[in-house]
């Protein structure tokens, strides 16, 4: 079964408040078996427009990735994130080659 991923692109508008989101999401992601593959870091936008922060989170599968996003626990953390940043999140199924 292919893994599931969150791909997020954000501009942090309130760095101090965003720290609250980072603190809140750790236990939630641990509950759903998530692991960060990309968490901010240096980047170069080689095509198109980019936001200031990029995150890729791997989940055991697509269903789990969606369940985490739609969970009540993450809804509370998301409120913090949305008040401290602007951006987008895509939940995508990974690719297992034949």
C-alpha atoms as a PDB file:
ATOM      1  CA  UNK A   1       0.000   0.000   0.000  1.00  0.00           C
ATOM      2  CA  UNK A   2       1.494   3.390  -0.958  1.00  0.00           C
ATOM      3  CA  UNK A   3       2.352   5.881   1.728  1.00  0.00           C
ATOM      4  CA  UNK A   4       0.433   9.119   2.144  1.00  0.00           C
ATOM      5  CA  UNK A   5       1.956  12.587   2.240  1.00  0.00           C
ATOM      6  CA  UNK A   6       1.102  16.092   3.281  1.00  0.00           C
ATOM      7  CA  UNK A   7       2.774  18.723   1.139  1.00  0.00           C
ATOM      8  CA  UNK A   8       2.488  22.204   2.613  1.00  0.00           C
ATOM      9  CA  UNK A   9       3.683  25.600   1.424  1.00  0.00           C
ATOM     10  CA  UNK A  10       3.294  28.444   3.909  1.00  0.00           C
ATOM     11  CA  UNK A  11       4.285  31.992   4.670  1.00  0.00           C
ATOM     12  CA  UNK A  12       4.589  32.466   8.418  1.00  0.00           C
ATOM     13  CA  UNK A  13       3.008  35.790   9.364  1.00  0.00           C
ATOM     14  CA  UNK A  14       3.458  35.564  13.153  1.00  0.00           C
ATOM     15  CA  UNK A  15       6.589  33.633  14.093  1.00  0.00           C
ATOM     16  CA  UNK A  16       5.864  33.682  17.821  1.00  0.00           C
ATOM     17  CA  UNK A  17       2.332  32.293  17.409  1.00  0.00           C
ATOM     18  CA  UNK A  18       3.586  29.708  14.891  1.00  0.00           C
ATOM     19  CA  UNK A  19       5.754  28.219  17.641  1.00  0.00           C
ATOM     20  CA  UNK A  20       2.495  27.212  19.347  1.00  0.00           C
ATOM     21  CA  UNK A  21       1.453  25.299  16.238  1.00  0.00           C
ATOM     22  CA  UNK A  22       4.801  23.493  16.069  1.00  0.00           C
ATOM     23  CA  UNK A  23       4.462  22.508  19.744  1.00  0.00           C
ATOM     24  CA  UNK A  24       0.865  21.330  19.261  1.00  0.00           C
ATOM     25  CA  UNK A  25       1.405  19.220  16.152  1.00  0.00           C
ATOM     26  CA  UNK A  26       4.152  16.903  17.481  1.00  0.00           C
ATOM     27  CA  UNK A  27       1.919  14.587  19.553  1.00  0.00           C
ATOM     28  CA  UNK A  28      -0.738  14.567  16.815  1.00  0.00           C
ATOM     29  CA  UNK A  29       1.698  13.519  14.115  1.00  0.00           C
ATOM     30  CA  UNK A  30       3.197  10.877  16.425  1.00  0.00           C
ATOM     31  CA  UNK A  31      -0.284   9.411  17.011  1.00  0.00           C
ATOM     32  CA  UNK A  32      -0.751   8.991  13.241  1.00  0.00           C
ATOM     33  CA  UNK A  33       2.725   7.584  12.576  1.00  0.00           C
ATOM     34  CA  UNK A  34       3.899  10.634  10.638  1.00  0.00           C
ATOM     35  CA  UNK A  35       7.482  11.640  10.002  1.00  0.00           C
ATOM     36  CA  UNK A  36       8.871  14.822   8.539  1.00  0.00           C
ATOM     37  CA  UNK A  37      10.815  14.438   5.305  1.00  0.00           C
ATOM     38  CA  UNK A  38      11.093  18.185   4.707  1.00  0.00           C
ATOM     39  CA  UNK A  39      10.602  20.829   7.385  1.00  0.00           C
ATOM     40  CA  UNK A  40      11.479  24.297   6.156  1.00  0.00           C
ATOM     41  CA  UNK A  41      15.162  24.348   5.243  1.00  0.00           C
ATOM     42  CA  UNK A  42      17.050  25.994   2.449  1.00  0.00           C
ATOM     43  CA  UNK A  43      15.367  26.048  -0.965  1.00  0.00           C
ATOM     44  CA  UNK A  44      15.545  27.633  -4.382  1.00  0.00           C
ATOM     45  CA  UNK A  45      12.370  28.313  -6.358  1.00  0.00           C
ATOM     46  CA  UNK A  46      13.547  27.227  -9.805  1.00  0.00           C
ATOM     47  CA  UNK A  47      10.130  27.510 -11.442  1.00  0.00           C
ATOM     48  CA  UNK A  48       6.938  29.333 -10.484  1.00  0.00           C
ATOM     49  CA  UNK A  49       6.273  31.236  -7.290  1.00  0.00           C
ATOM     50  CA  UNK A  50       7.138  29.840  -3.895  1.00  0.00           C
ATOM     51  CA  UNK A  51       6.158  30.535  -0.318  1.00  0.00           C
ATOM     52  CA  UNK A  52       8.680  30.910   2.478  1.00  0.00           C
ATOM     53  CA  UNK A  53       8.266  27.534   4.185  1.00  0.00           C
ATOM     54  CA  UNK A  54       7.885  24.058   2.677  1.00  0.00           C
ATOM     55  CA  UNK A  55       6.978  20.878   4.538  1.00  0.00           C
ATOM     56  CA  UNK A  56       6.582  17.249   3.436  1.00  0.00           C
ATOM     57  CA  UNK A  57       5.216  14.786   5.992  1.00  0.00           C
ATOM     58  CA  UNK A  58       5.062  11.049   5.341  1.00  0.00           C
ATOM     59  CA  UNK A  59       2.268   8.849   6.755  1.00  0.00           C
ATOM     60  CA  UNK A  60       1.903   5.056   6.692  1.00  0.00           C
ATOM     61  CA  UNK A  61      -0.758   5.402   3.966  1.00  0.00           C
ATOM     62  CA  UNK A  62      -3.121   7.859   2.271  1.00  0.00           C
ATOM     63  CA  UNK A  63      -6.102   7.013   4.491  1.00  0.00           C
ATOM     64  CA  UNK A  64      -4.061   7.743   7.628  1.00  0.00           C
ATOM     65  CA  UNK A  65      -2.796  11.029   6.169  1.00  0.00           C
ATOM     66  CA  UNK A  66      -6.385  12.147   5.552  1.00  0.00           C
ATOM     67  CA  UNK A  67      -7.540  10.898   8.952  1.00  0.00           C
ATOM     68  CA  UNK A  68      -4.867  12.972  10.667  1.00  0.00           C
ATOM     69  CA  UNK A  69      -5.818  16.111   8.726  1.00  0.00           C
ATOM     70  CA  UNK A  70      -9.523  15.670   9.514  1.00  0.00           C
ATOM     71  CA  UNK A  71      -8.991  14.689  13.169  1.00  0.00           C
ATOM     72  CA  UNK A  72     -10.351  16.831  16.012  1.00  0.00           C
ATOM     73  CA  UNK A  73      -6.835  17.058  17.440  1.00  0.00           C
ATOM     74  CA  UNK A  74      -5.440  18.537  14.245  1.00  0.00           C
ATOM     75  CA  UNK A  75      -8.431  20.888  13.872  1.00  0.00           C
ATOM     76  CA  UNK A  76      -7.351  22.598  17.099  1.00  0.00           C
ATOM     77  CA  UNK A  77      -3.729  22.862  15.923  1.00  0.00           C
ATOM     78  CA  UNK A  78      -4.863  24.080  12.504  1.00  0.00           C
ATOM     79  CA  UNK A  79      -6.576  27.092  14.110  1.00  0.00           C
ATOM     80  CA  UNK A  80      -3.210  28.122  15.528  1.00  0.00           C
ATOM     81  CA  UNK A  81      -1.513  27.599  12.155  1.00  0.00           C
ATOM     82  CA  UNK A  82      -4.113  29.563  10.220  1.00  0.00           C
ATOM     83  CA  UNK A  83      -3.799  32.511  12.617  1.00  0.00           C
ATOM     84  CA  UNK A  84      -0.015  32.499  12.258  1.00  0.00           C
ATOM     85  CA  UNK A  85       0.510  31.709   8.560  1.00  0.00           C
ATOM     86  CA  UNK A  86      -1.019  31.615   5.093  1.00  0.00           C
ATOM     87  CA  UNK A  87      -0.596  28.842   2.598  1.00  0.00           C
ATOM     88  CA  UNK A  88      -1.793  25.512   1.280  1.00  0.00           C
ATOM     89  CA  UNK A  89      -1.759  21.843   2.223  1.00  0.00           C
ATOM     90  CA  UNK A  90      -2.226  18.958  -0.207  1.00  0.00           C
ATOM     91  CA  UNK A  91      -2.730  15.362   0.913  1.00  0.00           C
ATOM     92  CA  UNK A  92      -1.449  13.001  -1.770  1.00  0.00           C
ATOM     93  CA  UNK A  93      -1.044   9.265  -2.203  1.00  0.00           C
ATOM     94  CA  UNK A  94       2.525   8.120  -2.802  1.00  0.00           C
ATOM     95  CA  UNK A  95       3.696   6.061  -5.756  1.00  0.00           C
ATOM     96  CA  UNK A  96       4.761   2.441  -5.540  1.00  0.00           C
ATOM     97  CA  UNK A  97       6.347   1.450  -8.840  1.00  0.00           C
ATOM     98  CA  UNK A  98       5.277  -1.890 -10.326  1.00  0.00           C
END
